[in-house]
C-alpha atoms as a PDB file:
ATOM      1  CA  MET A   1       0.000   0.000   0.000  1.00  0.00           C
ATOM      2  CA  THR A   2       1.191   3.492  -0.842  1.00  0.00           C
ATOM      3  CA  SER A   3      -0.401   6.810   0.017  1.00  0.00           C
ATOM      4  CA  THR A   4      -0.269  10.280  -1.421  1.00  0.00           C
ATOM      5  CA  SER A   5      -2.327  13.382  -0.830  1.00  0.00           C
ATOM      6  CA  HIS A   6      -2.883  16.884  -2.114  1.00  0.00           C
ATOM      7  CA  ASP A   7      -4.909  19.887  -1.174  1.00  0.00           C
ATOM      8  CA  ASP A   8      -8.413  20.103  -2.595  1.00  0.00           C
ATOM      9  CA  THR A   9      -8.385  23.853  -3.178  1.00  0.00           C
ATOM     10  CA  SER A  10     -11.818  23.806  -4.800  1.00  0.00           C
ATOM     11  CA  ASN A  11     -13.535  22.575  -1.639  1.00  0.00           C
ATOM     12  CA  GLN A  12     -11.654  23.792   1.417  1.00  0.00           C
ATOM     13  CA  ALA A  13     -14.762  24.526   3.437  1.00  0.00           C
ATOM     14  CA  VAL A  14     -17.652  22.086   3.616  1.00  0.00           C
ATOM     15  CA  GLN A  15     -20.033  23.453   6.226  1.00  0.00           C
ATOM     16  CA  ASN A  16     -18.015  23.184   9.454  1.00  0.00           C
ATOM     17  CA  ALA A  17     -15.096  21.306   7.892  1.00  0.00           C
ATOM     18  CA  GLN A  18     -12.096  21.850   5.716  1.00  0.00           C
ATOM     19  CA  THR A  19     -11.174  18.998   3.410  1.00  0.00           C
ATOM     20  CA  ARG A  20      -8.487  17.689   1.146  1.00  0.00           C
ATOM     21  CA  THR A  21      -8.297  14.764  -1.229  1.00  0.00           C
ATOM     22  CA  VAL A  22      -6.318  11.723  -0.098  1.00  0.00           C
ATOM     23  CA  THR A  23      -5.370   8.823  -2.366  1.00  0.00           C
ATOM     24  CA  PHE A  24      -3.885   5.433  -1.558  1.00  0.00           C
ATOM     25  CA  GLU A  25      -3.458   2.101  -3.316  1.00  0.00           C
ATOM     26  CA  VAL A  26      -4.600  -1.469  -2.806  1.00  0.00           C
ATOM     27  CA  LYS A  27      -3.075  -4.115  -5.081  1.00  0.00           C
ATOM     28  CA  GLY A  28      -2.176  -1.483  -7.636  1.00  0.00           C
ATOM     29  CA  ALA A  29      -5.597   0.139  -7.777  1.00  0.00           C
ATOM     30  CA  PRO A  30      -5.924   3.800  -6.712  1.00  0.00           C
ATOM     31  CA  LEU A  31      -8.523   4.616  -4.077  1.00  0.00           C
ATOM     32  CA  SER A  32      -9.883   8.128  -3.785  1.00  0.00           C
ATOM     33  CA  GLY A  33     -10.792   9.567  -0.402  1.00  0.00           C
ATOM     34  CA  THR A  34     -11.420  12.781   1.488  1.00  0.00           C
ATOM     35  CA  LEU A  35      -9.860  13.880   4.766  1.00  0.00           C
ATOM     36  CA  TYR A  36     -12.165  16.071   6.858  1.00  0.00           C
ATOM     37  CA  LEU A  37     -10.664  18.395   9.475  1.00  0.00           C
ATOM     38  CA  PRO A  38     -12.251  20.935  11.804  1.00  0.00           C
ATOM     39  CA  LYS A  39     -12.571  24.308  10.119  1.00  0.00           C
ATOM     40  CA  GLY A  40      -9.575  26.425  11.076  1.00  0.00           C
ATOM     41  CA  PHE A  41      -7.460  23.333  11.763  1.00  0.00           C
ATOM     42  CA  ASP A  42      -4.448  24.443  13.814  1.00  0.00           C
ATOM     43  CA  GLY A  43      -1.994  21.792  12.631  1.00  0.00           C
ATOM     44  CA  LYS A  44      -2.123  19.746  15.826  1.00  0.00           C
ATOM     45  CA  PRO A  45      -2.591  16.049  14.950  1.00  0.00           C
ATOM     46  CA  ARG A  46      -6.137  14.888  15.603  1.00  0.00           C
ATOM     47  CA  ALA A  47      -7.782  11.598  16.400  1.00  0.00           C
ATOM     48  CA  VAL A  48      -9.336  10.264  13.193  1.00  0.00           C
ATOM     49  CA  VAL A  49     -12.380   8.162  12.325  1.00  0.00           C
ATOM     50  CA  VAL A  50     -12.392   6.111   9.113  1.00  0.00           C
ATOM     51  CA  VAL A  51     -16.038   6.153   7.961  1.00  0.00           C
ATOM     52  CA  THR A  52     -17.596   3.643   5.566  1.00  0.00           C
ATOM     53  CA  GLY A  53     -21.133   3.432   4.222  1.00  0.00           C
ATOM     54  CA  ALA A  54     -23.875   1.117   3.008  1.00  0.00           C
ATOM     55  CA  TRP A  55     -23.697  -1.270   0.058  1.00  0.00           C
ATOM     56  CA  THR A  56     -23.399   0.387  -3.376  1.00  0.00           C
ATOM     57  CA  ALA A  57     -22.623   3.705  -1.629  1.00  0.00           C
ATOM     58  CA  VAL A  58     -20.028   6.302  -2.561  1.00  0.00           C
ATOM     59  CA  GLU A  59     -18.188   8.507  -0.107  1.00  0.00           C
ATOM     60  CA  GLU A  60     -20.301  11.603  -0.809  1.00  0.00           C
ATOM     61  CA  GLN A  61     -23.423   9.896   0.576  1.00  0.00           C
ATOM     62  CA  MET A  62     -23.853   8.849   4.224  1.00  0.00           C
ATOM     63  CA  PRO A  63     -20.095   8.670   4.941  1.00  0.00           C
ATOM     64  CA  ALA A  64     -19.741  12.387   4.183  1.00  0.00           C
ATOM     65  CA  ASN A  65     -22.763  13.232   6.338  1.00  0.00           C
ATOM     66  CA  TYR A  66     -21.170  11.561   9.336  1.00  0.00           C
ATOM     67  CA  ALA A  67     -17.690  12.909   8.626  1.00  0.00           C
ATOM     68  CA  ARG A  68     -18.982  16.484   8.599  1.00  0.00           C
ATOM     69  CA  GLU A  69     -20.688  15.865  11.923  1.00  0.00           C
ATOM     70  CA  LEU A  70     -17.646  14.218  13.506  1.00  0.00           C
ATOM     71  CA  VAL A  71     -15.432  17.237  12.901  1.00  0.00           C
ATOM     72  CA  LYS A  72     -17.769  19.302  15.075  1.00  0.00           C
ATOM     73  CA  HIS A  73     -16.382  17.225  17.946  1.00  0.00           C
ATOM     74  CA  GLY A  74     -12.789  18.072  17.067  1.00  0.00           C
ATOM     75  CA  LEU A  75     -12.137  14.776  15.320  1.00  0.00           C
ATOM     76  CA  ALA A  76     -10.711  14.234  11.859  1.00  0.00           C
ATOM     77  CA  ALA A  77     -12.486  11.821   9.519  1.00  0.00           C
ATOM     78  CA  LEU A  78     -11.616   9.932   6.358  1.00  0.00           C
ATOM     79  CA  THR A  79     -14.135   8.765   3.775  1.00  0.00           C
ATOM     80  CA  PHE A  80     -13.258   6.952   0.551  1.00  0.00           C
ATOM     81  CA  ASP A  81     -14.653   5.013  -2.403  1.00  0.00           C
ATOM     82  CA  PHE A  82     -14.064   1.274  -2.347  1.00  0.00           C
ATOM     83  CA  ARG A  83     -12.385  -0.398  -5.298  1.00  0.00           C
ATOM     84  CA  GLY A  84     -14.870  -0.780  -8.114  1.00  0.00           C
ATOM     85  CA  TRP A  85     -17.048   2.105  -6.948  1.00  0.00           C
ATOM     86  CA  GLY A  86     -17.142   5.860  -7.434  1.00  0.00           C
ATOM     87  CA  LYS A  87     -13.824   7.488  -8.248  1.00  0.00           C
ATOM     88  CA  SER A  88     -11.647   4.537  -7.212  1.00  0.00           C
ATOM     89  CA  GLY A  89      -9.973   2.025  -9.503  1.00  0.00           C
ATOM     90  CA  ASP A  90     -11.167  -1.445 -10.447  1.00  0.00           C
ATOM     91  CA  LEU A  91     -10.905  -4.725  -8.600  1.00  0.00           C
ATOM     92  CA  GLU A  92      -8.060  -7.036  -9.567  1.00  0.00           C
ATOM     93  CA  ASP A  93     -10.124  -8.754 -12.277  1.00  0.00           C
ATOM     94  CA  GLY A  94     -11.236  -5.415 -13.689  1.00  0.00           C
ATOM     95  CA  ALA A  95     -14.732  -5.744 -12.231  1.00  0.00           C
ATOM     96  CA  ARG A  96     -16.790  -2.858 -10.923  1.00  0.00           C
ATOM     97  CA  PHE A  97     -19.909  -2.549  -8.787  1.00  0.00           C
ATOM     98  CA  VAL A  98     -19.317  -5.926  -7.088  1.00  0.00           C
ATOM     99  CA  GLU A  99     -20.277  -6.141  -3.417  1.00  0.00           C
ATOM    100  CA  ASN A 100     -17.139  -8.039  -2.382  1.00  0.00           C
ATOM    101  CA  PRO A 101     -16.765  -8.357   1.416  1.00  0.00           C
ATOM    102  CA  ALA A 102     -13.133  -9.522   1.313  1.00  0.00           C
ATOM    103  CA  ALA A 103     -12.067  -6.729  -1.037  1.00  0.00           C
ATOM    104  CA  LYS A 104     -13.901  -4.061   0.924  1.00  0.00           C
ATOM    105  CA  THR A 105     -12.347  -5.305   4.168  1.00  0.00           C
ATOM    106  CA  ALA A 106      -8.890  -5.076   2.576  1.00  0.00           C
ATOM    107  CA  ASP A 107      -9.669  -1.532   1.435  1.00  0.00           C
ATOM    108  CA  ILE A 108     -10.594  -0.492   4.974  1.00  0.00           C
ATOM    109  CA  ARG A 109      -7.380  -1.958   6.346  1.00  0.00           C
ATOM    110  CA  ALA A 110      -5.454   0.030   3.750  1.00  0.00           C
ATOM    111  CA  ALA A 111      -7.353   3.171   4.744  1.00  0.00           C
ATOM    112  CA  PHE A 112      -6.185   2.699   8.334  1.00  0.00           C
ATOM    113  CA  GLU A 113      -2.597   2.390   7.120  1.00  0.00           C
ATOM    114  CA  CYS A 114      -3.052   5.517   5.033  1.00  0.00           C
ATOM    115  CA  VAL A 115      -4.372   7.740   7.827  1.00  0.00           C
ATOM    116  CA  ALA A 116      -1.675   6.503  10.220  1.00  0.00           C
ATOM    117  CA  ALA A 117       0.887   8.161   7.936  1.00  0.00           C
ATOM    118  CA  LEU A 118      -0.902  11.509   7.512  1.00  0.00           C
ATOM    119  CA  PRO A 119       0.648  14.507   9.301  1.00  0.00           C
ATOM    120  CA  GLU A 120      -2.773  15.758  10.442  1.00  0.00           C
ATOM    121  CA  VAL A 121      -3.508  12.513  12.284  1.00  0.00           C
ATOM    122  CA  ASP A 122      -2.572  11.281  15.748  1.00  0.00           C
ATOM    123  CA  ALA A 123      -1.626   7.729  14.776  1.00  0.00           C
ATOM    124  CA  ALA A 124      -2.199   6.524  18.332  1.00  0.00           C
ATOM    125  CA  ARG A 125      -5.907   7.428  18.123  1.00  0.00           C
ATOM    126  CA  ILE A 126      -7.431   5.848  15.019  1.00  0.00           C
ATOM    127  CA  PHE A 127     -11.044   4.676  15.089  1.00  0.00           C
ATOM    128  CA  GLY A 128     -13.437   2.944  12.694  1.00  0.00           C
ATOM    129  CA  LEU A 129     -17.104   3.686  11.968  1.00  0.00           C
ATOM    130  CA  GLY A 130     -19.093   1.293   9.772  1.00  0.00           C
ATOM    131  CA  ILE A 131     -22.615   2.096   8.583  1.00  0.00           C
ATOM    132  CA  CYS A 132     -25.113  -0.534   7.410  1.00  0.00           C
ATOM    133  CA  ALA A 133     -23.503  -3.217   5.190  1.00  0.00           C
ATOM    134  CA  SER A 134     -19.961  -2.040   5.846  1.00  0.00           C
ATOM    135  CA  ALA A 135     -20.377  -2.707   9.573  1.00  0.00           C
ATOM    136  CA  GLY A 136     -19.255  -6.294   9.077  1.00  0.00           C
ATOM    137  CA  TYR A 137     -16.338  -5.230   6.895  1.00  0.00           C
ATOM    138  CA  MET A 138     -15.317  -2.692   9.523  1.00  0.00           C
ATOM    139  CA  VAL A 139     -15.380  -5.341  12.247  1.00  0.00           C
ATOM    140  CA  ASP A 140     -13.211  -7.623  10.110  1.00  0.00           C
ATOM    141  CA  ALA A 141     -10.765  -4.787   9.364  1.00  0.00           C
ATOM    142  CA  VAL A 142     -10.504  -3.688  13.006  1.00  0.00           C
ATOM    143  CA  ALA A 143     -10.268  -7.109  14.671  1.00  0.00           C
ATOM    144  CA  GLY A 144      -6.665  -7.790  15.604  1.00  0.00           C
ATOM    145  CA  ASN A 145      -5.513  -4.564  13.963  1.00  0.00           C
ATOM    146  CA  PRO A 146      -2.926  -2.784  16.143  1.00  0.00           C
ATOM    147  CA  LEU A 147      -3.501   0.520  14.351  1.00  0.00           C
ATOM    148  CA  VAL A 148      -7.102   0.858  15.540  1.00  0.00           C
ATOM    149  CA  SER A 149      -8.203   1.719  19.070  1.00  0.00           C
ATOM    150  CA  ARG A 150     -12.019   1.631  18.944  1.00  0.00           C
ATOM    151  CA  ILE A 151     -14.917   0.841  16.643  1.00  0.00           C
ATOM    152  CA  ALA A 152     -18.480   2.073  16.248  1.00  0.00           C
ATOM    153  CA  LEU A 153     -21.327   0.729  14.110  1.00  0.00           C
ATOM    154  CA  ILE A 154     -24.400   2.679  13.016  1.00  0.00           C
ATOM    155  CA  ALA A 155     -27.526   0.864  11.785  1.00  0.00           C
ATOM    156  CA  PRO A 156     -25.331  -2.196  11.252  1.00  0.00           C
ATOM    157  CA  TRP A 157     -26.444  -4.863   8.776  1.00  0.00           C
ATOM    158  CA  LEU A 158     -24.996  -7.901  10.520  1.00  0.00           C
ATOM    159  CA  GLN A 159     -26.432 -10.995   8.890  1.00  0.00           C
ATOM    160  CA  ASP A 160     -26.179 -14.715   9.509  1.00  0.00           C
ATOM    161  CA  LYS A 161     -27.518 -17.550   7.377  1.00  0.00           C
ATOM    162  CA  ASP A 162     -30.978 -17.393   8.928  1.00  0.00           C
ATOM    163  CA  ILE A 163     -31.241 -13.665   8.258  1.00  0.00           C
ATOM    164  CA  VAL A 164     -30.013 -14.120   4.690  1.00  0.00           C
ATOM    165  CA  ASN A 165     -32.696 -16.733   4.099  1.00  0.00           C
ATOM    166  CA  ALA A 166     -35.394 -14.561   5.653  1.00  0.00           C
ATOM    167  CA  VAL A 167     -34.462 -11.528   3.563  1.00  0.00           C
ATOM    168  CA  TYR A 168     -33.702 -13.182   0.230  1.00  0.00           C
ATOM    169  CA  GLY A 169     -36.464 -15.762  -0.206  1.00  0.00           C
ATOM    170  CA  GLY A 170     -35.375 -18.794   1.779  1.00  0.00           C
ATOM    171  CA  ASP A 171     -33.115 -21.574   0.559  1.00  0.00           C
ATOM    172  CA  GLU A 172     -34.701 -21.505  -2.888  1.00  0.00           C
ATOM    173  CA  GLY A 173     -34.385 -17.748  -3.317  1.00  0.00           C
ATOM    174  CA  VAL A 174     -30.779 -17.698  -2.108  1.00  0.00           C
ATOM    175  CA  ALA A 175     -29.847 -20.588  -4.382  1.00  0.00           C
ATOM    176  CA  ALA A 176     -31.368 -18.785  -7.364  1.00  0.00           C
ATOM    177  CA  LEU A 177     -29.403 -15.620  -6.624  1.00  0.00           C
ATOM    178  CA  ILE A 178     -26.185 -17.585  -6.249  1.00  0.00           C
ATOM    179  CA  GLU A 179     -26.826 -19.181  -9.633  1.00  0.00           C
ATOM    180  CA  THR A 180     -27.410 -15.698 -11.061  1.00  0.00           C
ATOM    181  CA  SER A 181     -24.126 -14.631  -9.510  1.00  0.00           C
ATOM    182  CA  ARG A 182     -22.161 -17.489 -11.050  1.00  0.00           C
ATOM    183  CA  LYS A 183     -23.630 -16.888 -14.500  1.00  0.00           C
ATOM    184  CA  ALA A 184     -22.857 -13.176 -14.265  1.00  0.00           C
ATOM    185  CA  GLU A 185     -19.289 -13.843 -13.200  1.00  0.00           C
ATOM    186  CA  ALA A 186     -18.777 -16.325 -16.031  1.00  0.00           C
ATOM    187  CA  ALA A 187     -20.075 -13.705 -18.456  1.00  0.00           C
ATOM    188  CA  GLY A 188     -17.667 -11.075 -17.171  1.00  0.00           C
ATOM    189  CA  GLY A 189     -20.321  -9.278 -15.148  1.00  0.00           C
ATOM    190  CA  GLU A 190     -23.941  -8.248 -15.434  1.00  0.00           C
ATOM    191  CA  ILE A 191     -24.766  -4.683 -14.434  1.00  0.00           C
ATOM    192  CA  ILE A 192     -28.263  -3.639 -13.354  1.00  0.00           C
ATOM    193  CA  PRO A 193     -29.552  -0.444 -11.700  1.00  0.00           C
ATOM    194  CA  ALA A 194     -29.022  -0.415  -7.967  1.00  0.00           C
ATOM    195  CA  ALA A 195     -32.038   1.772  -7.168  1.00  0.00           C
ATOM    196  CA  GLY A 196     -35.411   2.360  -8.731  1.00  0.00           C
ATOM    197  CA  PRO A 197     -39.002   3.318  -7.997  1.00  0.00           C
ATOM    198  CA  VAL A 198     -41.247   1.089  -5.919  1.00  0.00           C
ATOM    199  CA  GLY A 199     -41.977  -2.149  -7.746  1.00  0.00           C
ATOM    200  CA  ALA A 200     -39.543  -1.620 -10.639  1.00  0.00           C
ATOM    201  CA  ASP A 201     -38.323  -4.740 -12.437  1.00  0.00           C
ATOM    202  CA  GLY A 202     -34.653  -5.597 -12.918  1.00  0.00           C
ATOM    203  CA  VAL A 203     -33.487  -3.367 -10.074  1.00  0.00           C
ATOM    204  CA  LEU A 204     -31.570  -4.324  -6.926  1.00  0.00           C
ATOM    205  CA  MET A 205     -33.568  -2.036  -4.622  1.00  0.00           C
ATOM    206  CA  PRO A 206     -37.010  -1.306  -6.179  1.00  0.00           C
ATOM    207  CA  VAL A 207     -38.159   0.566  -3.104  1.00  0.00           C
ATOM    208  CA  GLY A 208     -37.749   4.257  -3.947  1.00  0.00           C
ATOM    209  CA  GLY A 209     -36.534   6.245  -0.969  1.00  0.00           C
ATOM    210  CA  TYR A 210     -32.984   7.284  -0.174  1.00  0.00           C
ATOM    211  CA  TYR A 211     -31.089   5.872  -3.165  1.00  0.00           C
ATOM    212  CA  TYR A 212     -33.753   6.907  -5.680  1.00  0.00           C
ATOM    213  CA  GLU A 213     -34.615  10.439  -4.547  1.00  0.00           C
ATOM    214  CA  ALA A 214     -32.391  13.188  -5.945  1.00  0.00           C
ATOM    215  CA  GLN A 215     -32.728  15.314  -2.820  1.00  0.00           C
ATOM    216  CA  ARG A 216     -31.455  12.413  -0.721  1.00  0.00           C
ATOM    217  CA  GLY A 217     -28.962   9.789  -1.916  1.00  0.00           C
ATOM    218  CA  ALA A 218     -29.414   9.898  -5.701  1.00  0.00           C
ATOM    219  CA  ILE A 219     -26.654  12.477  -6.033  1.00  0.00           C
ATOM    220  CA  PRO A 220     -24.625  12.899  -9.239  1.00  0.00           C
ATOM    221  CA  GLN A 221     -21.654  11.001  -7.760  1.00  0.00           C
ATOM    222  CA  TYR A 222     -23.736   7.888  -7.028  1.00  0.00           C
ATOM    223  CA  ASP A 223     -23.020   5.065  -9.494  1.00  0.00           C
ATOM    224  CA  ASN A 224     -26.499   3.541  -9.092  1.00  0.00           C
ATOM    225  CA  LYS A 225     -25.157   0.245 -10.400  1.00  0.00           C
ATOM    226  CA  TRP A 226     -24.990  -3.304  -9.117  1.00  0.00           C
ATOM    227  CA  ASN A 227     -23.054  -6.194 -10.599  1.00  0.00           C
ATOM    228  CA  ASN A 228     -24.958  -9.459 -10.218  1.00  0.00           C
ATOM    229  CA  ALA A 229     -21.608 -11.234  -9.960  1.00  0.00           C
ATOM    230  CA  GLY A 230     -21.487 -10.031  -6.358  1.00  0.00           C
ATOM    231  CA  TRP A 231     -24.458 -11.986  -5.055  1.00  0.00           C
ATOM    232  CA  GLU A 232     -22.627 -15.132  -3.990  1.00  0.00           C
ATOM    233  CA  GLY A 233     -20.004 -13.318  -1.940  1.00  0.00           C
ATOM    234  CA  TRP A 234     -22.653 -11.227  -0.229  1.00  0.00           C
ATOM    235  CA  LEU A 235     -25.113 -14.053   0.482  1.00  0.00           C
ATOM    236  CA  THR A 236     -22.438 -16.285   2.016  1.00  0.00           C
ATOM    237  CA  TYR A 237     -21.014 -13.554   4.231  1.00  0.00           C
ATOM    238  CA  TYR A 238     -22.169 -13.981   7.857  1.00  0.00           C
ATOM    239  CA  PRO A 239     -20.642 -11.244  10.051  1.00  0.00           C
ATOM    240  CA  ALA A 240     -23.092 -11.885  12.903  1.00  0.00           C
ATOM    241  CA  ASP A 241     -21.645 -15.337  13.481  1.00  0.00           C
ATOM    242  CA  ASN A 242     -18.284 -14.445  14.995  1.00  0.00           C
ATOM    243  CA  PRO A 243     -18.455 -11.422  17.305  1.00  0.00           C
ATOM    244  CA  GLY A 244     -15.741 -12.900  19.501  1.00  0.00           C
ATOM    245  CA  ARG A 245     -13.136 -11.956  16.888  1.00  0.00           C
ATOM    246  CA  LEU A 246     -13.553  -8.279  17.803  1.00  0.00           C
ATOM    247  CA  ASP A 247     -10.965  -7.278  20.370  1.00  0.00           C
ATOM    248  CA  LYS A 248     -11.607  -3.512  20.526  1.00  0.00           C
ATOM    249  CA  PRO A 249     -14.104  -1.384  22.498  1.00  0.00           C
ATOM    250  CA  LEU A 250     -17.406  -1.241  20.611  1.00  0.00           C
ATOM    251  CA  ALA A 251     -20.300   1.204  20.353  1.00  0.00           C
ATOM    252  CA  VAL A 252     -23.484   0.439  18.414  1.00  0.00           C
ATOM    253  CA  VAL A 253     -26.318   2.764  17.387  1.00  0.00           C
ATOM    254  CA  HIS A 254     -29.432   1.122  15.982  1.00  0.00           C
ATOM    255  CA  SER A 255     -33.224   1.106  16.061  1.00  0.00           C
ATOM    256  CA  GLN A 256     -35.733  -1.673  16.296  1.00  0.00           C
ATOM    257  CA  SER A 257     -37.457  -0.030  13.311  1.00  0.00           C
ATOM    258  CA  ALA A 258     -34.316  -0.197  11.147  1.00  0.00           C
ATOM    259  CA  ALA A 259     -32.981  -3.160   9.143  1.00  0.00           C
ATOM    260  CA  ILE A 260     -32.349  -6.551  10.791  1.00  0.00           C
ATOM    261  CA  PRO A 261     -31.871  -5.395  14.401  1.00  0.00           C
ATOM    262  CA  GLU A 262     -31.842  -9.073  15.354  1.00  0.00           C
ATOM    263  CA  GLY A 263     -28.433  -9.393  13.716  1.00  0.00           C
ATOM    264  CA  ALA A 264     -27.022  -6.587  15.836  1.00  0.00           C
ATOM    265  CA  ARG A 265     -28.511  -8.099  18.981  1.00  0.00           C
ATOM    266  CA  LYS A 266     -26.976 -11.491  18.175  1.00  0.00           C
ATOM    267  CA  PHE A 267     -23.611  -9.860  17.604  1.00  0.00           C
ATOM    268  CA  LEU A 268     -23.829  -7.909  20.864  1.00  0.00           C
ATOM    269  CA  GLU A 269     -24.762 -11.024  22.810  1.00  0.00           C
ATOM    270  CA  GLY A 270     -21.664 -12.797  21.551  1.00  0.00           C
ATOM    271  CA  TYR A 271     -19.295  -9.867  21.929  1.00  0.00           C
ATOM    272  CA  GLY A 272     -16.868 -10.655  24.721  1.00  0.00           C
ATOM    273  CA  ASN A 273     -16.810  -7.198  26.309  1.00  0.00           C
ATOM    274  CA  ALA A 274     -19.420  -4.699  27.427  1.00  0.00           C
ATOM    275  CA  ALA A 275     -20.475  -2.663  24.394  1.00  0.00           C
ATOM    276  CA  LYS A 276     -21.935   0.811  24.516  1.00  0.00           C
ATOM    277  CA  THR A 277     -25.339   0.832  22.846  1.00  0.00           C
ATOM    278  CA  LEU A 278     -27.863   3.465  21.821  1.00  0.00           C
ATOM    279  CA  TRP A 279     -31.237   2.279  20.539  1.00  0.00           C
ATOM    280  CA  LEU A 280     -33.226   5.078  18.928  1.00  0.00           C
ATOM    281  CA  GLU A 281     -37.000   4.844  18.696  1.00  0.00           C
ATOM    282  CA  ASP A 282     -38.821   4.627  15.356  1.00  0.00           C
ATOM    283  CA  VAL A 283     -35.820   5.349  13.111  1.00  0.00           C
ATOM    284  CA  GLU A 284     -35.937   3.495   9.799  1.00  0.00           C
ATOM    285  CA  GLN A 285     -32.770   2.381   8.045  1.00  0.00           C
ATOM    286  CA  PHE A 286     -32.604   5.098   5.393  1.00  0.00           C
ATOM    287  CA  ASP A 287     -33.230   7.768   8.022  1.00  0.00           C
ATOM    288  CA  PHE A 288     -29.893   6.941   9.598  1.00  0.00           C
ATOM    289  CA  TYR A 289     -28.289   8.029   6.320  1.00  0.00           C
ATOM    290  CA  ASP A 290     -29.416  11.623   5.966  1.00  0.00           C
ATOM    291  CA  ALA A 291     -31.879  12.758   8.652  1.00  0.00           C
ATOM    292  CA  PRO A 292     -29.978  15.502  10.524  1.00  0.00           C
ATOM    293  CA  ALA A 293     -31.447  14.777  13.966  1.00  0.00           C
ATOM    294  CA  ASN A 294     -30.602  11.081  13.757  1.00  0.00           C
ATOM    295  CA  ILE A 295     -27.107  11.727  12.427  1.00  0.00           C
ATOM    296  CA  SER A 296     -26.486  14.249  15.200  1.00  0.00           C
ATOM    297  CA  ARG A 297     -27.629  11.907  17.979  1.00  0.00           C
ATOM    298  CA  ALA A 298     -25.701   8.963  16.570  1.00  0.00           C
ATOM    299  CA  THR A 299     -22.540  10.994  16.030  1.00  0.00           C
ATOM    300  CA  ASP A 300     -22.649  12.525  19.507  1.00  0.00           C
ATOM    301  CA  PHE A 301     -22.734   8.999  20.922  1.00  0.00           C
ATOM    302  CA  VAL A 302     -19.924   7.778  18.664  1.00  0.00           C
ATOM    303  CA  ALA A 303     -17.741  10.806  19.423  1.00  0.00           C
ATOM    304  CA  ARG A 304     -18.088  10.238  23.181  1.00  0.00           C
ATOM    305  CA  HIS A 305     -17.088   6.610  22.632  1.00  0.00           C
ATOM    306  CA  CYS A 306     -14.015   7.580  20.629  1.00  0.00           C
ATOM    307  CA  GLN A 307     -12.964  10.379  22.946  1.00  0.00           C
ATOM    308  CA  SER A 308     -13.386   8.265  26.078  1.00  0.00           C
ATOM    309  CA  ASP A 309      -9.876   6.940  25.450  1.00  0.00           C
ATOM    310  CA  LEU A 310      -8.687  10.263  26.916  1.00  0.00           C
ATOM    311  CA  ALA A 311     -10.435   9.661  30.226  1.00  0.00           C
END
C-alpha cells in the first residue's frame, strides 16, 4: 500500500469542515478519499475516524454526512470510495460494482494504514465507523488490527444464514441468486440499476426512498449500479456469526425499526466485552443516512465513545 495526498483547493470549506483529497493504493488500484478536518485546523494532529457506508454507496453519501458531523467534535475523519465504486480504480479482475466483502475489508485496512501516515492525524488514536452493510467489513478490518483503538457501528447490517434466508427468499431464493451470480461472473459481469421506484423490475432495490430520490442519496456522484456477480459473496457472508473476533471497544447505534436489528442483537450477545449501545426509537434504516437529527444523535454517541480513550 502506498499513500499520497494533495490539497483540494476547490472545496476547502464544507459546512463546518475543511477537506483535502487523499489517495492510496490497494493491489495497484488507486482509491480516492477525502480527509475532513475541523474548520480552522491548527496543525495539531487529531484523532481520526475512518467512515464507511452502506452497500453500493459512494463517499459523498452517508459517509460524508457523518464525517462532517464528527469534525464538530474536534475529530478528523476519512471517507473513501471502495475499489470498483465511485472514483476509485477497479478490482483485480477489472470488475466494478461488485459487493465483495473480502475486497472491501482489505480496502478499509489500507485506509487505516493511510491515515496513520498523515501529518494531520494522531496515529495513536485511530477509530473505525461502519454504517449498514460495511459494519461487518469494519469489524473484520478492526479485529486484531494494532492501528485501531475503537470501533463504532451505526444501523449495522450484521447478517447470519438465517437472516439471509429470511431476507432473500429462503433456501430456494438464495440458491437462485447464487446461480445468477455465477452466471454473471462467467459472463464477465452483469450490471443492473441499484435503485429504482417502488416495484420496478430488474433493479436491486425497487423501493424508492434514499437511493432513488435526488434530494437524498441519488446524487450525481452515485453510481447507481450493481453487478450481479457479487451476489454469492454477499449471500455467504455472515458477520453476525463471529463477534468474539472483535478485540476492541465497541459502540453500536441502531433502532428496532431499522434493518435486521436481530443481527445486531446477536452480535452484541456474543461480543466478549461490554459494548456501549444506543437504541433510537422509530428510526428506519434510510433515516440513519441523511436525517440531521438522527445523524447528530448517533454521532454525539460515537464521538463520546471515541474520545473516552482520553479519560
